[in-house]
Each structure stands twice: as structure tokens, then as C-alpha cells.
Amino acid sequence: MNNILITGKPGVGKTTLIKKLIEELDLDAGGFYTQEMRIGGRRVGFKIITLDGEESILAHVDIKSPYRVSKYGVNLEGLEKVGVESIWRALEEKDVIVIDEIGKMELFSPRFKEAVNSALNSDKITIATILLAPNPYTDKIKRRQDVKLFYLTQENREKVKEEIKDILQQLL
């Protein structure tokens, strides 16, 4: 079971958990994180940051795009150039693939789905955050036999981190 998925409500610490695991276990990882963009305390968008430091805007209130989630226009080109390419690079060069996240904004991209499927079908370890809400694509991923799904809460964060650490140490 080399695919580890983490779900939970927004702001519960999914991204932070993955960052801690990579740091504490010194994982040879590639892929990307998603991070909020704020101006004066107000969220205005999200950016993608690869594990090797490349950045792109994923979505922003000022982006005019046919792809929208709530008030945010989604930047598919940025997602594909930076996020999707980081998954393909990790598949070729790294032991661990990080995908943060498999969410509503990212699912507009067929190229993103193709890269996710390749990562999950590979022999590499994939650690990903995944949409909590029902969705046909993500629900299918959650039901895969080769996936271990964790539901993260503020109360179980430390316990989940230790469980995932144990799994990773056995796989590496």
C-alpha cells in the first residue's frame, strides 16, 4: 500500500502534516504544495509551490477564467506548467511524490488527472491531500485497494502523523 491520502476540513493541517513528514524523515520527495495567498488578512487566491521552490498562481480573485471555484478564477496553465510537471519529474527522479492537493481547482485539468493516475499506479510512494466533499473522480481514488486514507482532525493530528511515519519507514 504505497499511496497515502489525507483528507479533512480546510485549515486542519493537511499540508503542514506532509511538510513535517518530509522534514522529519528526510524524504527524497518531489511534487507540490498549495498555499493560500492573502492581502491584509483577506484570502485572495492560492499558489502552487513545488518542493524545489518553483511557484505559480493556481487561482486568484482577479483571474478571469472559464474555470471557477467560488470567487476564484483557476489558472490551468500555471497548474499544468508547474504542478503537473513537478509530478512527472518526481515520478522520474524521486522516491516520494507529493500532491497537495487533489481538489476542485486541480480537477479542471485532464493533464493533472493523468499525472495523478500515473503517480498512484506507479511503484513510488505517493502522499496526497484529497478533497473531502463527494466527487466522482476523488471518490474512485479513495476506494482504491492500494490506498490508505486518513481523515485528519485537530484532535488526531499527532496520532495520524505517527501512523503515516510508521508506514513510510516500512516502505522505504
C-alpha atoms as a PDB file:
ATOM      1  CA  MET A   1       0.000   0.000   0.000  1.00  0.00           C
ATOM      2  CA  ASN A   2       2.225   2.792  -1.302  1.00  0.00           C
ATOM      3  CA  ASN A   3      -0.442   5.510  -1.710  1.00  0.00           C
ATOM      4  CA  ILE A   4      -1.204   7.615   1.363  1.00  0.00           C
ATOM      5  CA  LEU A   5      -4.126  10.030   1.143  1.00  0.00           C
ATOM      6  CA  ILE A   6      -5.014  12.651   3.720  1.00  0.00           C
ATOM      7  CA  THR A   7      -8.416  14.318   3.829  1.00  0.00           C
ATOM      8  CA  GLY A   8     -10.109  16.642   6.266  1.00  0.00           C
ATOM      9  CA  LYS A   9     -11.709  20.033   6.606  1.00  0.00           C
ATOM     10  CA  PRO A  10      -9.910  23.134   5.278  1.00  0.00           C
ATOM     11  CA  GLY A  11      -7.323  24.529   7.685  1.00  0.00           C
ATOM     12  CA  VAL A  12      -6.982  21.347   9.750  1.00  0.00           C
ATOM     13  CA  GLY A  13      -3.280  20.931   8.916  1.00  0.00           C
ATOM     14  CA  LYS A  14      -3.035  18.547   5.955  1.00  0.00           C
ATOM     15  CA  THR A  15      -0.266  20.466   4.187  1.00  0.00           C
ATOM     16  CA  THR A  16       1.602  21.071   7.443  1.00  0.00           C
ATOM     17  CA  LEU A  17       1.453  17.337   8.187  1.00  0.00           C
ATOM     18  CA  ILE A  18       3.038  16.452   4.843  1.00  0.00           C
ATOM     19  CA  LYS A  19       5.763  19.082   5.309  1.00  0.00           C
ATOM     20  CA  LYS A  20       6.571  17.678   8.775  1.00  0.00           C
ATOM     21  CA  LEU A  21       6.754  14.107   7.441  1.00  0.00           C
ATOM     22  CA  ILE A  22       9.153  15.121   4.666  1.00  0.00           C
ATOM     23  CA  GLU A  23      11.340  17.044   7.099  1.00  0.00           C
ATOM     24  CA  GLU A  24      11.347  14.508   9.947  1.00  0.00           C
ATOM     25  CA  LEU A  25      12.020  11.519   7.682  1.00  0.00           C
ATOM     26  CA  ASP A  26      14.292  13.463   5.282  1.00  0.00           C
ATOM     27  CA  LEU A  27      12.318  12.068   2.344  1.00  0.00           C
ATOM     28  CA  ASP A  28      13.626  12.273  -1.221  1.00  0.00           C
ATOM     29  CA  ALA A  29      10.393  13.871  -2.432  1.00  0.00           C
ATOM     30  CA  GLY A  30       9.122  15.900  -5.365  1.00  0.00           C
ATOM     31  CA  GLY A  31       5.770  17.366  -6.289  1.00  0.00           C
ATOM     32  CA  PHE A  32       3.925  20.404  -4.975  1.00  0.00           C
ATOM     33  CA  TYR A  33       2.039  22.098  -2.157  1.00  0.00           C
ATOM     34  CA  THR A  34      -0.829  24.552  -2.358  1.00  0.00           C
ATOM     35  CA  GLN A  35      -0.658  27.681  -0.222  1.00  0.00           C
ATOM     36  CA  GLU A  36      -3.132  30.489   0.450  1.00  0.00           C
ATOM     37  CA  MET A  37      -2.388  33.985  -0.853  1.00  0.00           C
ATOM     38  CA  ARG A  38      -3.509  36.762   1.494  1.00  0.00           C
ATOM     39  CA  ILE A  39      -3.612  40.543   1.289  1.00  0.00           C
ATOM     40  CA  GLY A  40      -4.345  42.368   4.517  1.00  0.00           C
ATOM     41  CA  GLY A  41      -5.640  39.205   6.165  1.00  0.00           C
ATOM     42  CA  ARG A  42      -8.072  38.506   3.305  1.00  0.00           C
ATOM     43  CA  ARG A  43      -7.609  35.381   1.180  1.00  0.00           C
ATOM     44  CA  VAL A  44      -7.299  36.387  -2.473  1.00  0.00           C
ATOM     45  CA  GLY A  45      -6.101  33.147  -4.011  1.00  0.00           C
ATOM     46  CA  PHE A  46      -3.881  30.096  -3.920  1.00  0.00           C
ATOM     47  CA  LYS A  47      -0.441  29.382  -5.258  1.00  0.00           C
ATOM     48  CA  ILE A  48       1.404  26.200  -6.094  1.00  0.00           C
ATOM     49  CA  ILE A  49       4.900  25.775  -4.708  1.00  0.00           C
ATOM     50  CA  THR A  50       6.984  22.824  -5.845  1.00  0.00           C
ATOM     51  CA  LEU A  51       9.283  21.074  -3.397  1.00  0.00           C
ATOM     52  CA  ASP A  52      12.223  22.538  -5.312  1.00  0.00           C
ATOM     53  CA  GLY A  53      10.880  26.091  -4.995  1.00  0.00           C
ATOM     54  CA  GLU A  54       9.119  26.829  -8.283  1.00  0.00           C
ATOM     55  CA  GLU A  55       5.886  28.835  -7.889  1.00  0.00           C
ATOM     56  CA  SER A  56       2.766  29.663  -9.861  1.00  0.00           C
ATOM     57  CA  ILE A  57      -0.645  31.101  -9.097  1.00  0.00           C
ATOM     58  CA  LEU A  58      -3.265  28.330  -9.037  1.00  0.00           C
ATOM     59  CA  ALA A  59      -6.308  30.554  -8.535  1.00  0.00           C
ATOM     60  CA  HIS A  60      -6.997  34.196  -7.757  1.00  0.00           C
ATOM     61  CA  VAL A  61      -9.952  36.544  -7.353  1.00  0.00           C
ATOM     62  CA  ASP A  62      -8.578  38.702 -10.203  1.00  0.00           C
ATOM     63  CA  ILE A  63      -8.119  35.882 -12.728  1.00  0.00           C
ATOM     64  CA  LYS A  64     -10.723  35.863 -15.492  1.00  0.00           C
ATOM     65  CA  SER A  65     -11.127  32.209 -16.391  1.00  0.00           C
ATOM     66  CA  PRO A  66     -13.914  29.893 -17.550  1.00  0.00           C
ATOM     67  CA  TYR A  67     -12.733  27.598 -14.740  1.00  0.00           C
ATOM     68  CA  ARG A  68     -14.003  28.909 -11.426  1.00  0.00           C
ATOM     69  CA  VAL A  69     -14.330  27.696  -7.855  1.00  0.00           C
ATOM     70  CA  SER A  70     -16.329  30.135  -5.758  1.00  0.00           C
ATOM     71  CA  LYS A  71     -14.847  33.612  -6.310  1.00  0.00           C
ATOM     72  CA  TYR A  72     -11.554  32.298  -7.695  1.00  0.00           C
ATOM     73  CA  GLY A  73     -10.581  32.025 -11.350  1.00  0.00           C
ATOM     74  CA  VAL A  74      -8.390  28.962 -11.891  1.00  0.00           C
ATOM     75  CA  ASN A  75      -5.080  29.312 -13.755  1.00  0.00           C
ATOM     76  CA  LEU A  76      -4.910  25.981 -15.605  1.00  0.00           C
ATOM     77  CA  GLU A  77      -1.726  26.960 -17.426  1.00  0.00           C
ATOM     78  CA  GLY A  78       0.094  27.610 -14.141  1.00  0.00           C
ATOM     79  CA  LEU A  79      -1.195  24.365 -12.652  1.00  0.00           C
ATOM     80  CA  GLU A  80      -0.027  22.361 -15.647  1.00  0.00           C
ATOM     81  CA  LYS A  81       3.329  24.111 -16.181  1.00  0.00           C
ATOM     82  CA  VAL A  82       4.355  23.982 -12.538  1.00  0.00           C
ATOM     83  CA  GLY A  83       2.198  21.484 -10.617  1.00  0.00           C
ATOM     84  CA  VAL A  84       1.700  18.774 -13.239  1.00  0.00           C
ATOM     85  CA  GLU A  85       5.310  18.980 -14.416  1.00  0.00           C
ATOM     86  CA  SER A  86       6.515  18.582 -10.811  1.00  0.00           C
ATOM     87  CA  ILE A  87       4.545  15.313 -10.544  1.00  0.00           C
ATOM     88  CA  TRP A  88       6.113  13.967 -13.754  1.00  0.00           C
ATOM     89  CA  ARG A  89       9.613  14.999 -12.556  1.00  0.00           C
ATOM     90  CA  ALA A  90       9.035  13.315  -9.184  1.00  0.00           C
ATOM     91  CA  LEU A  91       7.919  10.134 -10.950  1.00  0.00           C
ATOM     92  CA  GLU A  92      11.236  10.045 -12.801  1.00  0.00           C
ATOM     93  CA  GLU A  93      13.643  11.311 -10.147  1.00  0.00           C
ATOM     94  CA  LYS A  94      12.316  10.922  -6.594  1.00  0.00           C
ATOM     95  CA  ASP A  95      11.309   8.196  -4.131  1.00  0.00           C
ATOM     96  CA  VAL A  96       8.200  10.040  -2.914  1.00  0.00           C
ATOM     97  CA  ILE A  97       5.605  12.032  -4.869  1.00  0.00           C
ATOM     98  CA  VAL A  98       3.707  14.815  -3.061  1.00  0.00           C
ATOM     99  CA  ILE A  99       0.401  16.084  -4.475  1.00  0.00           C
ATOM    100  CA  ASP A 100      -1.278  18.815  -2.409  1.00  0.00           C
ATOM    101  CA  GLU A 101      -3.965  18.702  -3.405  1.00  0.00           C
ATOM    102  CA  ILE A 102      -6.321  16.578  -5.459  1.00  0.00           C
ATOM    103  CA  GLY A 103      -9.064  19.185  -5.168  1.00  0.00           C
ATOM    104  CA  LYS A 104     -11.783  21.047  -7.056  1.00  0.00           C
ATOM    105  CA  MET A 105      -9.474  23.557  -8.731  1.00  0.00           C
ATOM    106  CA  GLU A 106      -6.977  20.955  -9.906  1.00  0.00           C
ATOM    107  CA  LEU A 107      -9.666  18.629 -11.271  1.00  0.00           C
ATOM    108  CA  PHE A 108     -10.437  21.027 -14.144  1.00  0.00           C
ATOM    109  CA  SER A 109      -7.220  19.771 -15.770  1.00  0.00           C
ATOM    110  CA  PRO A 110      -7.219  16.447 -17.656  1.00  0.00           C
ATOM    111  CA  ARG A 111      -3.391  16.623 -17.632  1.00  0.00           C
ATOM    112  CA  PHE A 112      -3.457  16.860 -13.823  1.00  0.00           C
ATOM    113  CA  LYS A 113      -5.711  13.784 -13.581  1.00  0.00           C
ATOM    114  CA  GLU A 114      -3.406  11.878 -15.935  1.00  0.00           C
ATOM    115  CA  ALA A 115      -0.365  12.724 -13.779  1.00  0.00           C
ATOM    116  CA  VAL A 116      -2.238  11.770 -10.574  1.00  0.00           C
ATOM    117  CA  ASN A 117      -3.280   8.435 -12.083  1.00  0.00           C
ATOM    118  CA  SER A 118       0.308   7.744 -13.172  1.00  0.00           C
ATOM    119  CA  ALA A 119       1.618   8.547  -9.689  1.00  0.00           C
ATOM    120  CA  LEU A 120      -0.966   6.337  -7.973  1.00  0.00           C
ATOM    121  CA  ASN A 121      -0.331   3.484 -10.428  1.00  0.00           C
ATOM    122  CA  SER A 122       3.449   3.685 -10.022  1.00  0.00           C
ATOM    123  CA  ASP A 123       5.658   1.777  -7.596  1.00  0.00           C
ATOM    124  CA  LYS A 124       6.638   5.078  -5.957  1.00  0.00           C
ATOM    125  CA  ILE A 125       5.236   6.277  -2.650  1.00  0.00           C
ATOM    126  CA  THR A 126       2.574   8.921  -3.245  1.00  0.00           C
ATOM    127  CA  ILE A 127       1.429  11.190  -0.413  1.00  0.00           C
ATOM    128  CA  ALA A 128      -1.516  13.369  -1.375  1.00  0.00           C
ATOM    129  CA  THR A 129      -4.195  15.502   0.174  1.00  0.00           C
ATOM    130  CA  ILE A 130      -7.605  14.871  -1.330  1.00  0.00           C
ATOM    131  CA  LEU A 131     -10.970  16.597  -1.487  1.00  0.00           C
ATOM    132  CA  LEU A 132     -13.234  15.791   1.459  1.00  0.00           C
ATOM    133  CA  ALA A 133     -16.519  16.544  -0.369  1.00  0.00           C
ATOM    134  CA  PRO A 134     -18.062  13.888  -2.622  1.00  0.00           C
ATOM    135  CA  ASN A 135     -16.750  13.899  -6.200  1.00  0.00           C
ATOM    136  CA  PRO A 136     -16.824  11.005  -8.713  1.00  0.00           C
ATOM    137  CA  TYR A 137     -13.092  11.219  -9.519  1.00  0.00           C
ATOM    138  CA  THR A 138     -11.800  11.579  -5.958  1.00  0.00           C
ATOM    139  CA  ASP A 139     -14.301   9.062  -4.563  1.00  0.00           C
ATOM    140  CA  LYS A 140     -12.950   6.471  -7.005  1.00  0.00           C
ATOM    141  CA  ILE A 141      -9.390   7.186  -5.839  1.00  0.00           C
ATOM    142  CA  LYS A 142     -10.414   6.868  -2.176  1.00  0.00           C
ATOM    143  CA  ARG A 143     -11.864   3.397  -2.893  1.00  0.00           C
ATOM    144  CA  ARG A 144      -8.688   2.027  -4.500  1.00  0.00           C
ATOM    145  CA  GLN A 145      -7.268  -1.099  -2.862  1.00  0.00           C
ATOM    146  CA  ASP A 146      -3.732   0.340  -2.886  1.00  0.00           C
ATOM    147  CA  VAL A 147      -4.691   3.469  -0.916  1.00  0.00           C
ATOM    148  CA  LYS A 148      -4.566   4.161   2.813  1.00  0.00           C
ATOM    149  CA  LEU A 149      -6.914   7.071   3.580  1.00  0.00           C
ATOM    150  CA  PHE A 150      -6.545   9.182   6.719  1.00  0.00           C
ATOM    151  CA  TYR A 151      -9.178  11.627   7.952  1.00  0.00           C
ATOM    152  CA  LEU A 152      -7.299  14.405   9.745  1.00  0.00           C
ATOM    153  CA  THR A 153      -8.780  16.398  12.625  1.00  0.00           C
ATOM    154  CA  GLN A 154      -7.188  18.778  15.116  1.00  0.00           C
ATOM    155  CA  GLU A 155      -7.595  16.067  17.748  1.00  0.00           C
ATOM    156  CA  ASN A 156      -5.877  13.228  15.844  1.00  0.00           C
ATOM    157  CA  ARG A 157      -3.082  15.141  14.048  1.00  0.00           C
ATOM    158  CA  GLU A 158      -0.212  13.719  16.104  1.00  0.00           C
ATOM    159  CA  LYS A 159      -1.595  10.162  16.033  1.00  0.00           C
ATOM    160  CA  VAL A 160      -2.078  10.279  12.246  1.00  0.00           C
ATOM    161  CA  LYS A 161       1.437  11.677  11.760  1.00  0.00           C
ATOM    162  CA  GLU A 162       2.921   8.775  13.749  1.00  0.00           C
ATOM    163  CA  GLU A 163       0.827   6.203  11.833  1.00  0.00           C
ATOM    164  CA  ILE A 164       1.929   7.595   8.466  1.00  0.00           C
ATOM    165  CA  LYS A 165       5.541   7.785   9.683  1.00  0.00           C
ATOM    166  CA  ASP A 166       5.411   4.078  10.573  1.00  0.00           C
ATOM    167  CA  ILE A 167       4.020   3.203   7.128  1.00  0.00           C
ATOM    168  CA  LEU A 168       6.665   5.293   5.351  1.00  0.00           C
ATOM    169  CA  GLN A 169       9.509   3.792   7.381  1.00  0.00           C
ATOM    170  CA  GLN A 170       8.325   0.304   6.396  1.00  0.00           C
ATOM    171  CA  LEU A 171       8.072   1.269   2.711  1.00  0.00           C
ATOM    172  CA  LEU A 172      11.471   2.986   2.457  1.00  0.00           C
END
